[in-house]
Amino acid sequence: MEDIWLITIALVIFLLINLLSYRILKGYVREAYGKKWLNIWGNKVYFWQSLIFLSTAGTFLIMYILKWSNILTF
């Protein structure tokens, strides 16, 4: 049962980081590169690949900090 809660917490953290970074970076990309930049398939894939990498790294960092501070035990 503990494993389900850990996976759920990790997924929630991942989705929150992904949502926040998407909202912040989408506006920045539109302003810096123009509105048409995200309509090209290759650029869109690169954008989402970067967001997934950022969210994964952030999730690992937050989970490590929660384990180090003994809030989560696994």
N, C-alpha and C. Protein backbone atom coordinates (compact mmCIF):
# COMPACT_ATOMS: atom_id res chain seq x y z
N MET A 1 0.81 -1.19 0.00
CA MET A 1 0.00 0.00 0.00
C MET A 1 0.86 1.25 0.00
N GLU A 2 2.01 1.20 0.65
CA GLU A 2 2.89 2.36 0.68
C GLU A 2 3.39 2.72 -0.71
N ASP A 3 3.66 1.69 -1.53
CA ASP A 3 4.18 1.95 -2.87
C ASP A 3 3.19 2.73 -3.72
N ILE A 4 1.90 2.45 -3.55
CA ILE A 4 0.88 3.17 -4.32
C ILE A 4 0.88 4.64 -3.94
N TRP A 5 1.04 4.94 -2.65
CA TRP A 5 1.06 6.34 -2.21
C TRP A 5 2.31 7.05 -2.72
N LEU A 6 3.44 6.38 -2.71
CA LEU A 6 4.66 7.00 -3.22
C LEU A 6 4.56 7.30 -4.72
N ILE A 7 4.00 6.36 -5.47
CA ILE A 7 3.83 6.58 -6.90
C ILE A 7 2.83 7.70 -7.15
N THR A 8 1.77 7.75 -6.36
CA THR A 8 0.78 8.81 -6.50
C THR A 8 1.38 10.17 -6.19
N ILE A 9 2.16 10.27 -5.13
CA ILE A 9 2.81 11.53 -4.77
C ILE A 9 3.78 11.95 -5.86
N ALA A 10 4.55 11.01 -6.38
CA ALA A 10 5.51 11.33 -7.44
C ALA A 10 4.79 11.80 -8.70
N LEU A 11 3.69 11.15 -9.06
CA LEU A 11 2.94 11.57 -10.25
C LEU A 11 2.32 12.95 -10.09
N VAL A 12 1.80 13.23 -8.91
CA VAL A 12 1.22 14.55 -8.66
C VAL A 12 2.29 15.63 -8.74
N ILE A 13 3.45 15.37 -8.14
CA ILE A 13 4.55 16.33 -8.21
C ILE A 13 4.98 16.53 -9.66
N PHE A 14 5.11 15.44 -10.41
CA PHE A 14 5.50 15.50 -11.82
C PHE A 14 4.51 16.34 -12.62
N LEU A 15 3.23 16.09 -12.45
CA LEU A 15 2.22 16.82 -13.21
C LEU A 15 2.17 18.29 -12.82
N LEU A 16 2.33 18.60 -11.55
CA LEU A 16 2.35 20.00 -11.12
C LEU A 16 3.53 20.76 -11.70
N ILE A 17 4.70 20.15 -11.65
CA ILE A 17 5.89 20.80 -12.22
C ILE A 17 5.71 20.98 -13.72
N ASN A 18 5.17 19.96 -14.38
CA ASN A 18 4.96 20.04 -15.82
C ASN A 18 3.96 21.13 -16.18
N LEU A 19 2.87 21.23 -15.44
CA LEU A 19 1.86 22.25 -15.70
C LEU A 19 2.42 23.65 -15.48
N LEU A 20 3.12 23.85 -14.37
CA LEU A 20 3.68 25.17 -14.09
C LEU A 20 4.73 25.57 -15.12
N SER A 21 5.61 24.66 -15.47
CA SER A 21 6.63 25.00 -16.45
C SER A 21 6.03 25.21 -17.84
N TYR A 22 4.97 24.47 -18.17
CA TYR A 22 4.30 24.67 -19.46
C TYR A 22 3.70 26.07 -19.55
N ARG A 23 3.02 26.47 -18.50
CA ARG A 23 2.40 27.80 -18.51
C ARG A 23 3.43 28.92 -18.58
N ILE A 24 4.52 28.76 -17.89
CA ILE A 24 5.56 29.79 -17.89
C ILE A 24 6.32 29.80 -19.21
N LEU A 25 6.76 28.64 -19.66
CA LEU A 25 7.62 28.58 -20.85
C LEU A 25 6.87 28.78 -22.15
N LYS A 26 5.59 28.46 -22.21
CA LYS A 26 4.85 28.66 -23.45
C LYS A 26 4.75 30.14 -23.79
N GLY A 27 4.50 30.97 -22.78
CA GLY A 27 4.48 32.41 -23.01
C GLY A 27 5.83 32.94 -23.41
N TYR A 28 6.87 32.43 -22.80
CA TYR A 28 8.22 32.87 -23.14
C TYR A 28 8.58 32.47 -24.57
N VAL A 29 8.25 31.25 -24.97
CA VAL A 29 8.57 30.77 -26.32
C VAL A 29 7.80 31.57 -27.36
N ARG A 30 6.54 31.85 -27.11
CA ARG A 30 5.76 32.65 -28.06
C ARG A 30 6.33 34.06 -28.21
N GLU A 31 6.76 34.63 -27.10
CA GLU A 31 7.31 35.98 -27.15
C GLU A 31 8.68 36.00 -27.83
N ALA A 32 9.51 35.02 -27.55
CA ALA A 32 10.87 35.02 -28.07
C ALA A 32 10.95 34.54 -29.53
N TYR A 33 10.16 33.53 -29.89
CA TYR A 33 10.29 32.92 -31.22
C TYR A 33 9.11 33.17 -32.14
N GLY A 34 8.04 33.71 -31.63
CA GLY A 34 6.87 33.96 -32.46
C GLY A 34 5.81 32.88 -32.30
N LYS A 35 4.60 33.20 -32.74
CA LYS A 35 3.48 32.27 -32.56
C LYS A 35 3.59 31.02 -33.44
N LYS A 36 4.25 31.12 -34.57
CA LYS A 36 4.32 29.98 -35.49
C LYS A 36 5.34 28.93 -35.05
N TRP A 37 6.21 29.26 -34.13
CA TRP A 37 7.28 28.34 -33.74
C TRP A 37 6.73 27.04 -33.17
N LEU A 38 5.69 27.13 -32.34
CA LEU A 38 5.14 25.92 -31.72
C LEU A 38 4.18 25.17 -32.63
N ASN A 39 3.88 25.70 -33.80
CA ASN A 39 3.01 24.98 -34.74
C ASN A 39 3.77 23.97 -35.58
N ILE A 40 5.08 24.07 -35.61
CA ILE A 40 5.90 23.12 -36.37
C ILE A 40 6.11 21.88 -35.50
N TRP A 41 5.89 20.71 -36.09
CA TRP A 41 5.90 19.45 -35.33
C TRP A 41 7.23 19.21 -34.61
N GLY A 42 8.35 19.42 -35.28
CA GLY A 42 9.65 19.19 -34.65
C GLY A 42 9.91 20.10 -33.47
N ASN A 43 9.50 21.34 -33.58
CA ASN A 43 9.67 22.28 -32.47
C ASN A 43 8.77 21.92 -31.30
N LYS A 44 7.57 21.46 -31.60
CA LYS A 44 6.64 21.07 -30.55
C LYS A 44 7.16 19.86 -29.77
N VAL A 45 7.73 18.90 -30.51
CA VAL A 45 8.30 17.72 -29.85
C VAL A 45 9.49 18.12 -28.98
N TYR A 46 10.34 19.01 -29.49
CA TYR A 46 11.49 19.49 -28.72
C TYR A 46 11.02 20.20 -27.46
N PHE A 47 9.98 21.02 -27.56
CA PHE A 47 9.44 21.75 -26.41
C PHE A 47 8.92 20.78 -25.35
N TRP A 48 8.13 19.78 -25.76
CA TRP A 48 7.59 18.83 -24.79
C TRP A 48 8.66 17.91 -24.22
N GLN A 49 9.66 17.57 -25.02
CA GLN A 49 10.77 16.76 -24.52
C GLN A 49 11.51 17.52 -23.42
N SER A 50 11.70 18.81 -23.62
CA SER A 50 12.36 19.63 -22.61
C SER A 50 11.51 19.72 -21.35
N LEU A 51 10.20 19.87 -21.49
CA LEU A 51 9.32 19.94 -20.33
C LEU A 51 9.32 18.63 -19.54
N ILE A 52 9.31 17.51 -20.24
CA ILE A 52 9.32 16.22 -19.55
C ILE A 52 10.64 16.01 -18.81
N PHE A 53 11.75 16.39 -19.44
CA PHE A 53 13.04 16.28 -18.76
C PHE A 53 13.09 17.17 -17.52
N LEU A 54 12.62 18.40 -17.64
CA LEU A 54 12.59 19.32 -16.51
C LEU A 54 11.71 18.79 -15.39
N SER A 55 10.55 18.27 -15.73
CA SER A 55 9.63 17.74 -14.72
C SER A 55 10.19 16.50 -14.04
N THR A 56 10.86 15.64 -14.80
CA THR A 56 11.46 14.44 -14.22
C THR A 56 12.57 14.81 -13.25
N ALA A 57 13.43 15.72 -13.66
CA ALA A 57 14.52 16.14 -12.78
C ALA A 57 13.98 16.82 -11.53
N GLY A 58 12.97 17.65 -11.68
CA GLY A 58 12.36 18.31 -10.52
C GLY A 58 11.69 17.32 -9.58
N THR A 59 11.03 16.31 -10.14
CA THR A 59 10.39 15.29 -9.31
C THR A 59 11.42 14.50 -8.52
N PHE A 60 12.52 14.09 -9.18
CA PHE A 60 13.56 13.37 -8.45
C PHE A 60 14.16 14.23 -7.35
N LEU A 61 14.36 15.50 -7.62
CA LEU A 61 14.92 16.40 -6.61
C LEU A 61 13.98 16.56 -5.42
N ILE A 62 12.71 16.78 -5.68
CA ILE A 62 11.75 16.94 -4.59
C ILE A 62 11.58 15.65 -3.80
N MET A 63 11.52 14.52 -4.49
CA MET A 63 11.40 13.24 -3.77
C MET A 63 12.64 12.97 -2.92
N TYR A 64 13.81 13.31 -3.43
CA TYR A 64 15.04 13.14 -2.65
C TYR A 64 15.03 14.04 -1.42
N ILE A 65 14.59 15.27 -1.57
CA ILE A 65 14.53 16.19 -0.43
C ILE A 65 13.52 15.69 0.60
N LEU A 66 12.37 15.17 0.14
CA LEU A 66 11.38 14.63 1.07
C LEU A 66 11.90 13.39 1.79
N LYS A 67 12.68 12.56 1.12
CA LYS A 67 13.27 11.39 1.77
C LYS A 67 14.37 11.81 2.73
N TRP A 68 15.18 12.77 2.33
CA TRP A 68 16.29 13.23 3.17
C TRP A 68 15.77 13.87 4.46
N SER A 69 14.63 14.57 4.37
CA SER A 69 14.08 15.23 5.56
C SER A 69 13.15 14.30 6.35
N ASN A 70 13.11 13.03 5.99
CA ASN A 70 12.33 11.99 6.67
C ASN A 70 10.83 12.27 6.67
N ILE A 71 10.35 12.98 5.66
CA ILE A 71 8.92 13.17 5.50
C ILE A 71 8.34 11.93 4.82
N LEU A 72 9.05 11.42 3.83
CA LEU A 72 8.68 10.16 3.18
C LEU A 72 9.72 9.12 3.53
N THR A 73 9.27 7.92 3.77
CA THR A 73 10.19 6.82 4.03
C THR A 73 9.91 5.72 3.02
N PHE A 74 10.94 5.36 2.29
CA PHE A 74 10.84 4.25 1.36
C PHE A 74 12.19 3.64 1.16
